[in-house]
Amino acid sequence: MALECSRYFLTSLMLSLRQDSGKLKKEFTRFAFENMEEQVMEAEAAEMEAED
């Protein structure tokens, strides 16, 4: 019985960790993409200023 409980606990722990890492990956990807978009906009603005 105790072995069965610990196996269940470990399985649920692993699943929740896997879901958390998926969420973290999505958040990080979104953050990196937004950051990249900002840098592209800044670079384009700098180019336009240089042309003027």
PDB file of N, CA and C in Angstrom:
ATOM      1  N   MET A   1       0.831  -1.199   0.000  1.00  0.00           N
ATOM      2  CA  MET A   1       0.000   0.000   0.000  1.00  0.00           C
ATOM      3  C   MET A   1       0.877   1.265   0.000  1.00  0.00           C
ATOM      4  N   ALA A   2       1.862   1.316   0.866  1.00  0.00           N
ATOM      5  CA  ALA A   2       2.732   2.487   0.944  1.00  0.00           C
ATOM      6  C   ALA A   2       3.505   2.656  -0.371  1.00  0.00           C
ATOM      7  N   LEU A   3       3.939   1.543  -0.950  1.00  0.00           N
ATOM      8  CA  LEU A   3       4.666   1.590  -2.212  1.00  0.00           C
ATOM      9  C   LEU A   3       3.778   2.147  -3.322  1.00  0.00           C
ATOM     10  N   GLU A   4       2.528   1.708  -3.349  1.00  0.00           N
ATOM     11  CA  GLU A   4       1.567   2.173  -4.347  1.00  0.00           C
ATOM     12  C   GLU A   4       1.338   3.673  -4.208  1.00  0.00           C
ATOM     13  N   CYS A   5       1.227   4.159  -2.966  1.00  0.00           N
ATOM     14  CA  CYS A   5       1.012   5.591  -2.726  1.00  0.00           C
ATOM     15  C   CYS A   5       2.207   6.402  -3.201  1.00  0.00           C
ATOM     16  N   SER A   6       3.414   5.935  -2.887  1.00  0.00           N
ATOM     17  CA  SER A   6       4.591   6.702  -3.289  1.00  0.00           C
ATOM     18  C   SER A   6       4.741   6.698  -4.805  1.00  0.00           C
ATOM     19  N   ARG A   7       4.377   5.593  -5.448  1.00  0.00           N
ATOM     20  CA  ARG A   7       4.458   5.532  -6.910  1.00  0.00           C
ATOM     21  C   ARG A   7       3.469   6.532  -7.509  1.00  0.00           C
ATOM     22  N   TYR A   8       2.264   6.590  -6.950  1.00  0.00           N
ATOM     23  CA  TYR A   8       1.259   7.535  -7.429  1.00  0.00           C
ATOM     24  C   TYR A   8       1.750   8.965  -7.233  1.00  0.00           C
ATOM     25  N   PHE A   9       2.327   9.213  -6.047  1.00  0.00           N
ATOM     26  CA  PHE A   9       2.822  10.557  -5.735  1.00  0.00           C
ATOM     27  C   PHE A   9       3.914  10.964  -6.720  1.00  0.00           C
ATOM     28  N   LEU A  10       4.860  10.074  -6.960  1.00  0.00           N
ATOM     29  CA  LEU A  10       5.957  10.388  -7.894  1.00  0.00           C
ATOM     30  C   LEU A  10       5.435  10.617  -9.309  1.00  0.00           C
ATOM     31  N   THR A  11       4.471   9.802  -9.731  1.00  0.00           N
ATOM     32  CA  THR A  11       3.917   9.964 -11.075  1.00  0.00           C
ATOM     33  C   THR A  11       3.235  11.312 -11.213  1.00  0.00           C
ATOM     34  N   SER A  12       2.436  11.690 -10.212  1.00  0.00           N
ATOM     35  CA  SER A  12       1.733  12.972 -10.306  1.00  0.00           C
ATOM     36  C   SER A  12       2.721  14.130 -10.219  1.00  0.00           C
ATOM     37  N   LEU A  13       3.782  13.959  -9.441  1.00  0.00           N
ATOM     38  CA  LEU A  13       4.809  14.993  -9.340  1.00  0.00           C
ATOM     39  C   LEU A  13       5.493  15.183 -10.692  1.00  0.00           C
ATOM     40  N   MET A  14       5.853  14.080 -11.336  1.00  0.00           N
ATOM     41  CA  MET A  14       6.512  14.146 -12.645  1.00  0.00           C
ATOM     42  C   MET A  14       5.610  14.826 -13.666  1.00  0.00           C
ATOM     43  N   LEU A  15       4.314  14.460 -13.661  1.00  0.00           N
ATOM     44  CA  LEU A  15       3.387  15.052 -14.622  1.00  0.00           C
ATOM     45  C   LEU A  15       3.248  16.546 -14.393  1.00  0.00           C
ATOM     46  N   SER A  16       3.145  16.952 -13.131  1.00  0.00           N
ATOM     47  CA  SER A  16       2.984  18.390 -12.873  1.00  0.00           C
ATOM     48  C   SER A  16       4.253  19.144 -13.242  1.00  0.00           C
ATOM     49  N   LEU A  17       5.408  18.547 -13.014  1.00  0.00           N
ATOM     50  CA  LEU A  17       6.659  19.194 -13.411  1.00  0.00           C
ATOM     51  C   LEU A  17       6.731  19.339 -14.923  1.00  0.00           C
ATOM     52  N   ARG A  18       6.293  18.308 -15.624  1.00  0.00           N
ATOM     53  CA  ARG A  18       6.326  18.354 -17.086  1.00  0.00           C
ATOM     54  C   ARG A  18       5.407  19.464 -17.592  1.00  0.00           C
ATOM     55  N   GLN A  19       4.215  19.581 -16.999  1.00  0.00           N
ATOM     56  CA  GLN A  19       3.279  20.635 -17.409  1.00  0.00           C
ATOM     57  C   GLN A  19       3.861  22.004 -17.095  1.00  0.00           C
ATOM     58  N   ASP A  20       4.484  22.148 -15.919  1.00  0.00           N
ATOM     59  CA  ASP A  20       5.090  23.433 -15.547  1.00  0.00           C
ATOM     60  C   ASP A  20       6.188  23.813 -16.529  1.00  0.00           C
ATOM     61  N   SER A  21       7.016  22.858 -16.910  1.00  0.00           N
ATOM     62  CA  SER A  21       8.106  23.194 -17.818  1.00  0.00           C
ATOM     63  C   SER A  21       7.545  23.586 -19.181  1.00  0.00           C
ATOM     64  N   GLY A  22       6.431  22.985 -19.584  1.00  0.00           N
ATOM     65  CA  GLY A  22       5.797  23.375 -20.838  1.00  0.00           C
ATOM     66  C   GLY A  22       5.315  24.812 -20.775  1.00  0.00           C
ATOM     67  N   LYS A  23       4.702  25.173 -19.633  1.00  0.00           N
ATOM     68  CA  LYS A  23       4.229  26.552 -19.452  1.00  0.00           C
ATOM     69  C   LYS A  23       5.408  27.513 -19.457  1.00  0.00           C
ATOM     70  N   LEU A  24       6.480  27.137 -18.748  1.00  0.00           N
ATOM     71  CA  LEU A  24       7.657  27.999 -18.686  1.00  0.00           C
ATOM     72  C   LEU A  24       8.245  28.205 -20.077  1.00  0.00           C
ATOM     73  N   LYS A  25       8.280  27.118 -20.849  1.00  0.00           N
ATOM     74  CA  LYS A  25       8.835  27.213 -22.194  1.00  0.00           C
ATOM     75  C   LYS A  25       8.008  28.182 -23.036  1.00  0.00           C
ATOM     76  N   LYS A  26       6.667  28.088 -22.921  1.00  0.00           N
ATOM     77  CA  LYS A  26       5.795  28.989 -23.676  1.00  0.00           C
ATOM     78  C   LYS A  26       6.025  30.435 -23.250  1.00  0.00           C
ATOM     79  N   GLU A  27       6.082  30.655 -21.935  1.00  0.00           N
ATOM     80  CA  GLU A  27       6.299  32.012 -21.427  1.00  0.00           C
ATOM     81  C   GLU A  27       7.627  32.569 -21.927  1.00  0.00           C
ATOM     82  N   PHE A  28       8.672  31.745 -21.839  1.00  0.00           N
ATOM     83  CA  PHE A  28       9.997  32.198 -22.252  1.00  0.00           C
ATOM     84  C   PHE A  28      10.019  32.509 -23.746  1.00  0.00           C
ATOM     85  N   THR A  29       9.389  31.640 -24.539  1.00  0.00           N
ATOM     86  CA  THR A  29       9.350  31.848 -25.985  1.00  0.00           C
ATOM     87  C   THR A  29       8.623  33.145 -26.309  1.00  0.00           C
ATOM     88  N   ARG A  30       7.500  33.368 -25.628  1.00  0.00           N
ATOM     89  CA  ARG A  30       6.725  34.590 -25.875  1.00  0.00           C
ATOM     90  C   ARG A  30       7.549  35.819 -25.482  1.00  0.00           C
ATOM     91  N   PHE A  31       8.218  35.726 -24.339  1.00  0.00           N
ATOM     92  CA  PHE A  31       9.046  36.840 -23.872  1.00  0.00           C
ATOM     93  C   PHE A  31      10.173  37.120 -24.865  1.00  0.00           C
ATOM     94  N   ALA A  32      10.848  36.078 -25.306  1.00  0.00           N
ATOM     95  CA  ALA A  32      11.967  36.241 -26.242  1.00  0.00           C
ATOM     96  C   ALA A  32      11.466  36.838 -27.555  1.00  0.00           C
ATOM     97  N   PHE A  33      10.293  36.400 -28.017  1.00  0.00           N
ATOM     98  CA  PHE A  33       9.749  36.900 -29.275  1.00  0.00           C
ATOM     99  C   PHE A  33       9.396  38.377 -29.154  1.00  0.00           C
ATOM    100  N   GLU A  34       8.744  38.748 -28.030  1.00  0.00           N
ATOM    101  CA  GLU A  34       8.386  40.155 -27.825  1.00  0.00           C
ATOM    102  C   GLU A  34       9.642  41.014 -27.766  1.00  0.00           C
ATOM    103  N   ASN A  35      10.657  40.516 -27.089  1.00  0.00           N
ATOM    104  CA  ASN A  35      11.917  41.236 -26.963  1.00  0.00           C
ATOM    105  C   ASN A  35      12.553  41.426 -28.341  1.00  0.00           C
ATOM    106  N   MET A  36      12.505  40.387 -29.152  1.00  0.00           N
ATOM    107  CA  MET A  36      13.081  40.439 -30.489  1.00  0.00           C
ATOM    108  C   MET A  36      12.321  41.466 -31.338  1.00  0.00           C
ATOM    109  N   GLU A  37      10.986  41.480 -31.232  1.00  0.00           N
ATOM    110  CA  GLU A  37      10.185  42.444 -31.996  1.00  0.00           C
ATOM    111  C   GLU A  37      10.582  43.873 -31.640  1.00  0.00           C
ATOM    112  N   GLU A  38      10.771  44.128 -30.334  1.00  0.00           N
ATOM    113  CA  GLU A  38      11.161  45.468 -29.887  1.00  0.00           C
ATOM    114  C   GLU A  38      12.510  45.857 -30.495  1.00  0.00           C
ATOM    115  N   GLN A  39      13.458  44.934 -30.486  1.00  0.00           N
ATOM    116  CA  GLN A  39      14.783  45.234 -31.028  1.00  0.00           C
ATOM    117  C   GLN A  39      14.714  45.528 -32.522  1.00  0.00           C
ATOM    118  N   VAL A  40      13.857  44.788 -33.236  1.00  0.00           N
ATOM    119  CA  VAL A  40      13.711  45.021 -34.679  1.00  0.00           C
ATOM    120  C   VAL A  40      13.136  46.411 -34.912  1.00  0.00           C
ATOM    121  N   MET A  41      12.115  46.792 -34.123  1.00  0.00           N
ATOM    122  CA  MET A  41      11.518  48.126 -34.270  1.00  0.00           C
ATOM    123  C   MET A  41      12.549  49.219 -33.993  1.00  0.00           C
ATOM    124  N   GLU A  42      13.332  49.024 -32.949  1.00  0.00           N
ATOM    125  CA  GLU A  42      14.363  50.013 -32.614  1.00  0.00           C
ATOM    126  C   GLU A  42      15.394  50.129 -33.736  1.00  0.00           C
ATOM    127  N   ALA A  43      15.780  49.002 -34.301  1.00  0.00           N
ATOM    128  CA  ALA A  43      16.766  49.006 -35.386  1.00  0.00           C
ATOM    129  C   ALA A  43      16.199  49.718 -36.612  1.00  0.00           C
ATOM    130  N   GLU A  44      14.910  49.453 -36.928  1.00  0.00           N
ATOM    131  CA  GLU A  44      14.287  50.121 -38.077  1.00  0.00           C
ATOM    132  C   GLU A  44      14.206  51.619 -37.846  1.00  0.00           C
ATOM    133  N   ALA A  45      13.856  52.030 -36.612  1.00  0.00           N
ATOM    134  CA  ALA A  45      13.775  53.456 -36.288  1.00  0.00           C
ATOM    135  C   ALA A  45      15.153  54.102 -36.431  1.00  0.00           C
ATOM    136  N   ALA A  46      16.182  53.426 -36.001  1.00  0.00           N
ATOM    137  CA  ALA A  46      17.546  53.954 -36.102  1.00  0.00           C
ATOM    138  C   ALA A  46      17.950  54.098 -37.572  1.00  0.00           C
ATOM    139  N   GLU A  47      17.549  53.128 -38.400  1.00  0.00           N
ATOM    140  CA  GLU A  47      17.864  53.202 -39.838  1.00  0.00           C
ATOM    141  C   GLU A  47      17.181  54.402 -40.472  1.00  0.00           C
ATOM    142  N   MET A  48      15.904  54.614 -40.113  1.00  0.00           N
ATOM    143  CA  MET A  48      15.164  55.746 -40.681  1.00  0.00           C
ATOM    144  C   MET A  48      15.808  57.066 -40.278  1.00  0.00           C
ATOM    145  N   GLU A  49      16.228  57.142 -39.012  1.00  0.00           N
ATOM    146  CA  GLU A  49      16.892  58.363 -38.540  1.00  0.00           C
ATOM    147  C   GLU A  49      18.204  58.582 -39.299  1.00  0.00           C
ATOM    148  N   ALA A  50      18.915  57.511 -39.569  1.00  0.00           N
ATOM    149  CA  ALA A  50      20.192  57.611 -40.276  1.00  0.00           C
ATOM    150  C   ALA A  50      19.975  58.078 -41.717  1.00  0.00           C
ATOM    151  N   GLU A  51      18.856  57.652 -42.319  1.00  0.00           N
ATOM    152  CA  GLU A  51      18.566  58.050 -43.701  1.00  0.00           C
ATOM    153  C   GLU A  51      18.220  59.535 -43.792  1.00  0.00           C
ATOM    154  N   ASP A  52      17.557  60.072 -42.758  1.00  0.00           N
ATOM    155  CA  ASP A  52      17.142  61.489 -42.762  1.00  0.00           C
ATOM    156  C   ASP A  52      18.305  62.384 -42.646  1.00  0.00           C
TER     157      ASP A  52
END
